[in-house]
């Protein structure tokens, strides 16, 4: 948390990636950090909805404020270009400011 580093958990389905990030999130909560766990699909739906309503800046700031953001299952479902751009904006806002944990079963080269 202090180093504000991001972590990506990559592995096959069923190896415990989600379990690990939940445990880290619970520990962060115990230490007083504001933490959010959200599936990538749910996050993208919320970002797209805010984009369509014209409130995307507000929602991006909201997610950027969490001390720890945990995004589960990136790459499980296809990501549209608009969603990818919004996701990139969020990660850019958090970069070197607040840590983000990500789980995926997609290898980094993909």
Protein backbone atom coordinates (compact mmCIF):
# COMPACT_ATOMS: atom_id res chain seq x y z
CA UNK A 1 0.00 0.00 0.00
CA UNK A 2 2.73 2.44 0.95
CA UNK A 3 4.59 1.91 -2.35
CA UNK A 4 1.36 2.51 -4.32
CA UNK A 5 2.20 -0.40 -6.61
CA UNK A 6 -0.25 -2.28 -8.76
CA UNK A 7 -0.43 -6.08 -8.82
CA UNK A 8 -1.75 -8.37 -11.53
CA UNK A 9 -2.69 -11.93 -10.61
CA UNK A 10 -2.56 -14.15 -13.71
CA UNK A 11 -3.54 -17.80 -13.73
CA UNK A 12 -5.90 -20.46 -14.89
CA UNK A 13 -9.47 -20.51 -13.59
CA UNK A 14 -9.79 -22.05 -10.15
CA UNK A 15 -6.27 -21.45 -8.83
CA UNK A 16 -7.33 -18.89 -6.21
CA UNK A 17 -6.64 -15.46 -7.73
CA UNK A 18 -9.94 -14.01 -6.55
CA UNK A 19 -9.51 -15.58 -3.12
CA UNK A 20 -6.08 -13.96 -2.77
CA UNK A 21 -7.22 -10.46 -3.74
CA UNK A 22 -10.25 -10.70 -1.46
CA UNK A 23 -7.94 -11.63 1.42
CA UNK A 24 -5.69 -8.67 0.61
CA UNK A 25 -8.74 -6.41 0.39
CA UNK A 26 -10.02 -7.57 3.77
CA UNK A 27 -6.61 -6.92 5.32
CA UNK A 28 -6.54 -3.45 3.75
CA UNK A 29 -9.97 -2.77 5.29
CA UNK A 30 -8.71 -3.94 8.69
CA UNK A 31 -5.87 -1.44 8.34
CA UNK A 32 -8.34 1.37 7.64
CA UNK A 33 -7.96 1.67 3.86
CA UNK A 34 -11.04 2.42 1.75
CA UNK A 35 -11.27 -0.62 -0.50
CA UNK A 36 -13.52 -1.60 -3.37
CA UNK A 37 -13.80 -5.05 -4.95
CA UNK A 38 -15.61 -5.07 -8.30
CA UNK A 39 -15.75 -7.36 -11.31
CA UNK A 40 -14.31 -5.92 -14.48
CA UNK A 41 -17.64 -6.44 -16.23
CA UNK A 42 -19.54 -4.47 -13.57
CA UNK A 43 -16.94 -1.68 -13.60
CA UNK A 44 -17.13 -1.38 -17.38
CA UNK A 45 -20.94 -1.30 -17.30
CA UNK A 46 -20.83 1.53 -14.76
CA UNK A 47 -18.20 3.47 -16.71
CA UNK A 48 -20.10 3.11 -19.98
CA UNK A 49 -23.36 4.17 -18.33
CA UNK A 50 -21.68 7.26 -16.87
CA UNK A 51 -20.14 8.02 -20.27
CA UNK A 52 -23.56 7.84 -21.93
CA UNK A 53 -25.10 10.06 -19.21
CA UNK A 54 -22.27 12.60 -19.41
CA UNK A 55 -21.11 11.95 -15.83
CA UNK A 56 -17.97 9.98 -16.62
CA UNK A 57 -15.58 12.48 -14.99
CA UNK A 58 -17.45 12.23 -11.71
CA UNK A 59 -17.49 8.43 -11.72
CA UNK A 60 -13.82 8.21 -12.69
CA UNK A 61 -12.92 10.47 -9.76
CA UNK A 62 -15.06 8.31 -7.48
CA UNK A 63 -13.17 5.12 -8.40
CA UNK A 64 -9.83 6.92 -8.34
CA UNK A 65 -10.39 7.96 -4.69
CA UNK A 66 -10.43 4.43 -3.26
CA UNK A 67 -7.25 3.62 -1.37
CA UNK A 68 -7.31 0.15 -2.92
CA UNK A 69 -9.25 -0.84 -6.02
CA UNK A 70 -9.58 -4.55 -6.79
CA UNK A 71 -10.77 -5.42 -10.30
CA UNK A 72 -11.64 -9.07 -10.80
CA UNK A 73 -11.67 -11.08 -14.04
CA UNK A 74 -10.28 -8.71 -16.65
CA UNK A 75 -10.58 -10.29 -20.05
CA UNK A 76 -13.31 -12.73 -19.06
CA UNK A 77 -15.73 -10.92 -21.39
CA UNK A 78 -14.90 -8.87 -24.50
CA UNK A 79 -14.13 -5.19 -23.93
CA UNK A 80 -15.35 -2.55 -26.38
CA UNK A 81 -13.08 0.30 -27.48
CA UNK A 82 -14.98 2.97 -25.51
CA UNK A 83 -14.83 0.81 -22.38
CA UNK A 84 -11.10 0.18 -22.87
CA UNK A 85 -10.49 3.92 -23.15
CA UNK A 86 -12.46 4.62 -19.97
CA UNK A 87 -10.65 1.81 -18.15
CA UNK A 88 -7.30 3.25 -19.27
CA UNK A 89 -8.32 6.70 -18.01
CA UNK A 90 -9.15 5.23 -14.60
CA UNK A 91 -5.85 3.37 -14.33
CA UNK A 92 -3.99 6.50 -15.43
CA UNK A 93 -5.68 8.52 -12.67
CA UNK A 94 -4.66 5.92 -10.08
CA UNK A 95 -1.13 5.29 -11.41
CA UNK A 96 1.51 5.98 -8.75
CA UNK A 97 -1.23 7.47 -6.55
CA UNK A 98 -3.16 4.45 -5.27
CA UNK A 99 -2.65 0.70 -5.74
CA UNK A 100 -4.88 -1.42 -7.96
CA UNK A 101 -5.11 -5.22 -7.87
CA UNK A 102 -6.23 -7.05 -11.00
CA UNK A 103 -7.05 -10.70 -11.66
CA UNK A 104 -7.11 -12.31 -15.09
CA UNK A 105 -6.72 -15.64 -16.79
CA UNK A 106 -5.39 -13.96 -19.94
CA UNK A 107 -1.62 -13.99 -20.41
CA UNK A 108 -0.03 -10.53 -20.63
CA UNK A 109 0.96 -10.88 -24.29
CA UNK A 110 -2.77 -11.06 -25.16
